[in-house]
Amino acid sequence: MNISQKDWDRVIEKACDVASATENDSDPMSEVHVEGMMALLGELEAKYGQQSRILATRADYLESFPERRALYEQALDLARKAHDGQAIEEILDSMSELEEEERAEPNASPNGGPARRSDNSGATGGPPSVS
């Protein structure tokens, strides 16, 4: 079952809330909005089942590079099985951005293992998966 536009608009609205809160690293609402996004994605997954868009969006908000990669790979597999070209392209873009972040992160483990947490690990904008 495809996610209704009305439900996906809720995800986009929540992504805007997160992006607005993360513009200022000291904003205490940032974490609250991310938690709200995760709860909303959980609600949609319960309603629609596992969907590539939900998994990819969830990955956008995780801090752990290995966890993000694993979710993007799951999302990509689902998108390919559904022959969803747009989702495939968006997920591949997100995976490419993740690789760039990993290369730019001075504390990232070179073998993809656990990385030391940076002081500035908050998101800086809306995720590509919800656009």
Protein backbone atom coordinates (compact mmCIF):
# COMPACT_ATOMS: atom_id res chain seq x y z
CA MET A 1 0.00 0.00 0.00
CA ASN A 2 1.40 3.39 -0.98
CA ILE A 3 1.70 6.15 1.60
CA SER A 4 -1.03 8.74 1.15
CA GLN A 5 0.03 12.26 0.23
CA LYS A 6 -1.70 13.55 3.36
CA ASP A 7 0.43 11.26 5.54
CA TRP A 8 3.64 12.07 3.65
CA ASP A 9 2.89 15.80 4.02
CA ARG A 10 3.07 15.21 7.78
CA VAL A 11 6.59 13.83 7.32
CA ILE A 12 7.60 16.85 5.25
CA GLU A 13 6.17 19.20 7.88
CA LYS A 14 8.08 17.38 10.63
CA ALA A 15 11.27 17.54 8.52
CA CYS A 16 10.84 21.31 8.31
CA ASP A 17 10.46 21.46 12.10
CA VAL A 18 13.69 19.49 12.53
CA ALA A 19 15.55 21.64 10.01
CA SER A 20 14.39 24.85 11.68
CA ALA A 21 15.44 23.60 15.11
CA THR A 22 18.84 22.38 13.94
CA GLU A 23 19.81 25.73 12.44
CA ASN A 24 20.90 26.62 15.95
CA ASP A 25 22.96 23.78 17.50
CA SER A 26 21.96 24.82 21.00
CA ASP A 27 18.20 24.63 20.31
CA PRO A 28 16.78 22.14 22.83
CA MET A 29 13.83 21.43 20.52
CA SER A 30 16.07 19.76 17.94
CA GLU A 31 16.13 16.44 19.76
CA VAL A 32 12.40 16.68 20.50
CA HIS A 33 11.61 17.16 16.81
CA VAL A 34 13.86 14.27 15.77
CA GLU A 35 12.12 12.04 18.33
CA GLY A 36 8.78 13.23 16.92
CA MET A 37 9.94 12.34 13.41
CA MET A 38 10.94 8.85 14.51
CA ALA A 39 7.58 8.38 16.22
CA LEU A 40 5.73 9.55 13.11
CA LEU A 41 7.74 7.19 10.90
CA GLY A 42 6.93 4.35 13.31
CA GLU A 43 3.24 5.22 13.09
CA LEU A 44 3.36 5.22 9.29
CA GLU A 45 5.26 1.94 9.20
CA ALA A 46 2.59 0.38 11.43
CA LYS A 47 -0.08 1.68 9.04
CA TYR A 48 1.60 0.98 5.67
CA GLY A 49 4.17 -1.69 6.44
CA GLN A 50 7.83 -1.44 5.62
CA GLN A 51 8.34 1.14 2.85
CA SER A 52 11.52 2.38 1.19
CA ARG A 53 10.62 6.02 1.80
CA ILE A 54 10.07 5.42 5.51
CA LEU A 55 13.32 3.50 5.96
CA ALA A 56 15.36 6.05 4.01
CA THR A 57 13.86 8.94 5.95
CA ARG A 58 14.55 7.18 9.25
CA ALA A 59 18.17 6.71 8.12
CA ASP A 60 18.43 10.44 7.41
CA TYR A 61 18.01 11.15 11.13
CA LEU A 62 20.40 8.58 12.57
CA GLU A 63 23.86 9.62 13.73
CA SER A 64 25.60 6.27 13.29
CA PHE A 65 27.10 5.89 9.82
CA PRO A 66 26.83 2.05 9.85
CA GLU A 67 23.20 2.16 10.98
CA ARG A 68 22.35 4.74 8.32
CA ARG A 69 24.05 2.68 5.63
CA ALA A 70 22.18 -0.47 6.68
CA LEU A 71 18.80 1.30 6.51
CA TYR A 72 19.61 2.89 3.16
CA GLU A 73 20.55 -0.55 1.81
CA GLN A 74 17.25 -2.01 3.06
CA ALA A 75 15.35 0.92 1.56
CA LEU A 76 17.18 0.51 -1.75
CA ASP A 77 16.32 -3.18 -1.86
CA LEU A 78 12.63 -2.41 -1.26
CA ALA A 79 12.62 0.35 -3.88
CA ARG A 80 14.21 -1.97 -6.45
CA LYS A 81 11.68 -4.71 -5.71
CA ALA A 82 8.89 -2.15 -6.19
CA HIS A 83 10.51 -0.84 -9.41
CA ASP A 84 10.31 2.67 -7.91
CA GLY A 85 12.82 4.61 -9.99
CA GLN A 86 12.36 7.89 -8.13
CA ALA A 87 12.92 6.26 -4.74
CA ILE A 88 15.97 4.40 -6.07
CA GLU A 89 17.50 7.65 -7.31
CA GLU A 90 16.80 9.48 -4.04
CA ILE A 91 18.24 6.65 -1.93
CA LEU A 92 21.35 6.43 -4.07
CA ASP A 93 21.79 10.19 -3.65
CA SER A 94 21.43 9.81 0.12
CA MET A 95 23.98 7.00 0.13
CA SER A 96 26.39 9.15 -1.86
CA GLU A 97 25.94 12.01 0.62
CA LEU A 98 26.57 9.57 3.47
CA GLU A 99 29.86 8.54 1.87
CA GLU A 100 30.85 12.20 1.60
CA GLU A 101 29.97 12.76 5.26
CA GLU A 102 32.03 9.75 6.27
CA ARG A 103 35.05 11.05 4.35
CA ALA A 104 34.64 14.52 5.88
CA GLU A 105 34.13 13.26 9.45
CA PRO A 106 37.55 13.37 11.16
CA ASN A 107 36.48 10.83 13.80
CA ALA A 108 34.95 8.30 11.41
CA SER A 109 36.39 4.84 11.48
CA PRO A 110 38.08 4.02 8.15
CA ASN A 111 36.63 0.50 8.08
CA GLY A 112 33.03 1.54 8.71
CA GLY A 113 33.12 0.52 12.36
CA PRO A 114 31.95 2.63 15.27
CA ALA A 115 33.16 6.19 15.11
CA ARG A 116 33.96 8.54 17.94
CA ARG A 117 31.10 11.02 18.37
CA SER A 118 31.76 14.56 17.26
CA ASP A 119 30.57 17.60 19.24
CA ASN A 120 28.64 18.87 16.20
CA SER A 121 26.67 15.87 14.99
CA GLY A 122 23.25 17.51 14.44
CA ALA A 123 21.53 17.61 11.09
CA THR A 124 21.77 20.88 9.21
CA GLY A 125 18.80 20.66 6.91
CA GLY A 126 15.90 18.62 5.69
CA PRO A 127 16.69 15.14 4.46
CA PRO A 128 16.64 14.42 0.73
CA SER A 129 14.32 11.47 1.24
CA VAL A 130 11.34 13.62 2.20
CA SER A 131 11.54 16.09 -0.66
